[in-house]
Amino acid sequence: MAQFTILATEGNARRGVFSTVHGDIQTPVFMNVGTSAAIKGGISTFDLRNINCQVELSNTYHLHVRPGEDVIYKLGGIHKFF
């Protein structure tokens, strides 16, 4: 189960950590959007690791339409599909 813990506040701003089964995400965070599980704009997985990318947001509707959940399941889930 995911959990959000506030580490510090100043006025309306807050800093925290969002803990998931896949690891911790420090907030605030820039969240990449991966339409159909792909980051657009010519940035590679290597580049994302170099800049310490913490999270990618994938649109489940797009993945449902193409390639479909059957394909993703057969490939071992969304993380392996990436």
C-alpha atoms as a PDB file:
ATOM      1  CA  MET A   1       0.000   0.000   0.000  1.00  0.00           C
ATOM      2  CA  ALA A   2       1.258   3.491  -0.870  1.00  0.00           C
ATOM      3  CA  GLN A   3       1.843   6.024   1.887  1.00  0.00           C
ATOM      4  CA  PHE A   4       2.674   9.752   1.876  1.00  0.00           C
ATOM      5  CA  THR A   5       4.734  11.185   4.731  1.00  0.00           C
ATOM      6  CA  ILE A   6       5.228  14.940   5.160  1.00  0.00           C
ATOM      7  CA  LEU A   7       8.851  15.727   6.016  1.00  0.00           C
ATOM      8  CA  ALA A   8       8.678  19.546   6.205  1.00  0.00           C
ATOM      9  CA  THR A   9       6.318  22.448   5.599  1.00  0.00           C
ATOM     10  CA  GLU A  10       6.696  26.170   4.989  1.00  0.00           C
ATOM     11  CA  GLY A  11       3.486  28.102   4.471  1.00  0.00           C
ATOM     12  CA  ASN A  12       1.403  26.170   1.950  1.00  0.00           C
ATOM     13  CA  ALA A  13       4.449  24.313   0.599  1.00  0.00           C
ATOM     14  CA  ARG A  14       5.336  20.847   1.776  1.00  0.00           C
ATOM     15  CA  ARG A  15       8.113  18.343   1.225  1.00  0.00           C
ATOM     16  CA  GLY A  16       7.493  14.666   1.623  1.00  0.00           C
ATOM     17  CA  VAL A  17       8.073  11.129   0.510  1.00  0.00           C
ATOM     18  CA  PHE A  18       5.563   8.951  -1.313  1.00  0.00           C
ATOM     19  CA  SER A  19       6.370   5.324  -0.483  1.00  0.00           C
ATOM     20  CA  THR A  20       5.210   2.598  -2.880  1.00  0.00           C
ATOM     21  CA  VAL A  21       5.928  -1.108  -3.266  1.00  0.00           C
ATOM     22  CA  HIS A  22       8.395  -0.129  -6.025  1.00  0.00           C
ATOM     23  CA  GLY A  23      10.322   2.433  -3.961  1.00  0.00           C
ATOM     24  CA  ASP A  24      10.191   5.933  -2.527  1.00  0.00           C
ATOM     25  CA  ILE A  25       9.448   9.105  -4.498  1.00  0.00           C
ATOM     26  CA  GLN A  26      10.712  12.359  -3.016  1.00  0.00           C
ATOM     27  CA  THR A  27       8.274  15.264  -3.447  1.00  0.00           C
ATOM     28  CA  PRO A  28       7.867  17.710  -4.971  1.00  0.00           C
ATOM     29  CA  VAL A  29       8.755  15.769  -8.121  1.00  0.00           C
ATOM     30  CA  PHE A  30       8.744  16.248 -11.878  1.00  0.00           C
ATOM     31  CA  MET A  31       6.731  13.286 -13.155  1.00  0.00           C
ATOM     32  CA  ASN A  32       7.434  12.178 -16.702  1.00  0.00           C
ATOM     33  CA  VAL A  33       4.383  11.210 -18.734  1.00  0.00           C
ATOM     34  CA  GLY A  34       4.904   8.105 -20.824  1.00  0.00           C
ATOM     35  CA  THR A  35       2.142   7.850 -23.400  1.00  0.00           C
ATOM     36  CA  SER A  36       1.893   4.169 -24.326  1.00  0.00           C
ATOM     37  CA  ALA A  37       4.782   3.498 -21.881  1.00  0.00           C
ATOM     38  CA  ALA A  38       7.300   5.615 -23.809  1.00  0.00           C
ATOM     39  CA  ILE A  39       8.884   8.927 -22.812  1.00  0.00           C
ATOM     40  CA  LYS A  40       8.670  11.334 -25.749  1.00  0.00           C
ATOM     41  CA  GLY A  41      11.281  13.906 -26.720  1.00  0.00           C
ATOM     42  CA  GLY A  42      14.355  11.832 -27.492  1.00  0.00           C
ATOM     43  CA  ILE A  43      15.411  11.052 -23.922  1.00  0.00           C
ATOM     44  CA  SER A  44      16.708   7.544 -23.325  1.00  0.00           C
ATOM     45  CA  THR A  45      16.391   5.210 -20.355  1.00  0.00           C
ATOM     46  CA  PHE A  46      20.098   5.854 -19.722  1.00  0.00           C
ATOM     47  CA  ASP A  47      19.444   9.623 -19.584  1.00  0.00           C
ATOM     48  CA  LEU A  48      16.495   9.142 -17.231  1.00  0.00           C
ATOM     49  CA  ARG A  49      18.666   7.099 -14.879  1.00  0.00           C
ATOM     50  CA  ASN A  50      21.442   9.728 -15.051  1.00  0.00           C
ATOM     51  CA  ILE A  51      19.072  12.492 -13.957  1.00  0.00           C
ATOM     52  CA  ASN A  52      17.681  10.247 -11.195  1.00  0.00           C
ATOM     53  CA  CYS A  53      14.181  10.042 -12.662  1.00  0.00           C
ATOM     54  CA  GLN A  54      11.987   8.734  -9.862  1.00  0.00           C
ATOM     55  CA  VAL A  55       8.682   7.955 -11.548  1.00  0.00           C
ATOM     56  CA  GLU A  56       6.877   7.713 -14.879  1.00  0.00           C
ATOM     57  CA  LEU A  57       3.153   8.197 -15.273  1.00  0.00           C
ATOM     58  CA  SER A  58       1.565   5.921 -17.886  1.00  0.00           C
ATOM     59  CA  ASN A  59      -1.926   6.400 -19.268  1.00  0.00           C
ATOM     60  CA  THR A  60      -3.789   3.134 -18.765  1.00  0.00           C
ATOM     61  CA  TYR A  61      -6.408   4.078 -21.360  1.00  0.00           C
ATOM     62  CA  HIS A  62      -3.743   4.402 -24.074  1.00  0.00           C
ATOM     63  CA  LEU A  63      -2.171   1.110 -22.998  1.00  0.00           C
ATOM     64  CA  HIS A  64      -5.581  -0.566 -23.052  1.00  0.00           C
ATOM     65  CA  VAL A  65      -6.252   0.647 -26.612  1.00  0.00           C
ATOM     66  CA  ARG A  66      -2.764  -0.259 -27.864  1.00  0.00           C
ATOM     67  CA  PRO A  67      -1.059  -2.669 -27.288  1.00  0.00           C
ATOM     68  CA  GLY A  68      -3.754  -3.974 -24.913  1.00  0.00           C
ATOM     69  CA  GLU A  69      -3.505  -5.554 -21.489  1.00  0.00           C
ATOM     70  CA  ASP A  70      -3.137  -9.051 -22.986  1.00  0.00           C
ATOM     71  CA  VAL A  71       0.192  -8.094 -24.598  1.00  0.00           C
ATOM     72  CA  ILE A  72       1.450  -6.354 -21.463  1.00  0.00           C
ATOM     73  CA  TYR A  73       0.485  -9.354 -19.326  1.00  0.00           C
ATOM     74  CA  LYS A  74       2.244 -11.803 -21.672  1.00  0.00           C
ATOM     75  CA  LEU A  75       5.419  -9.682 -21.507  1.00  0.00           C
ATOM     76  CA  GLY A  76       5.489  -9.872 -17.700  1.00  0.00           C
ATOM     77  CA  GLY A  77       3.683  -6.689 -16.668  1.00  0.00           C
ATOM     78  CA  ILE A  78       4.080  -2.965 -17.198  1.00  0.00           C
ATOM     79  CA  HIS A  79       7.631  -2.698 -15.770  1.00  0.00           C
ATOM     80  CA  LYS A  80       8.997  -5.314 -18.152  1.00  0.00           C
ATOM     81  CA  PHE A  81       6.982  -3.851 -21.030  1.00  0.00           C
ATOM     82  CA  PHE A  82       8.764  -0.503 -20.570  1.00  0.00           C
END
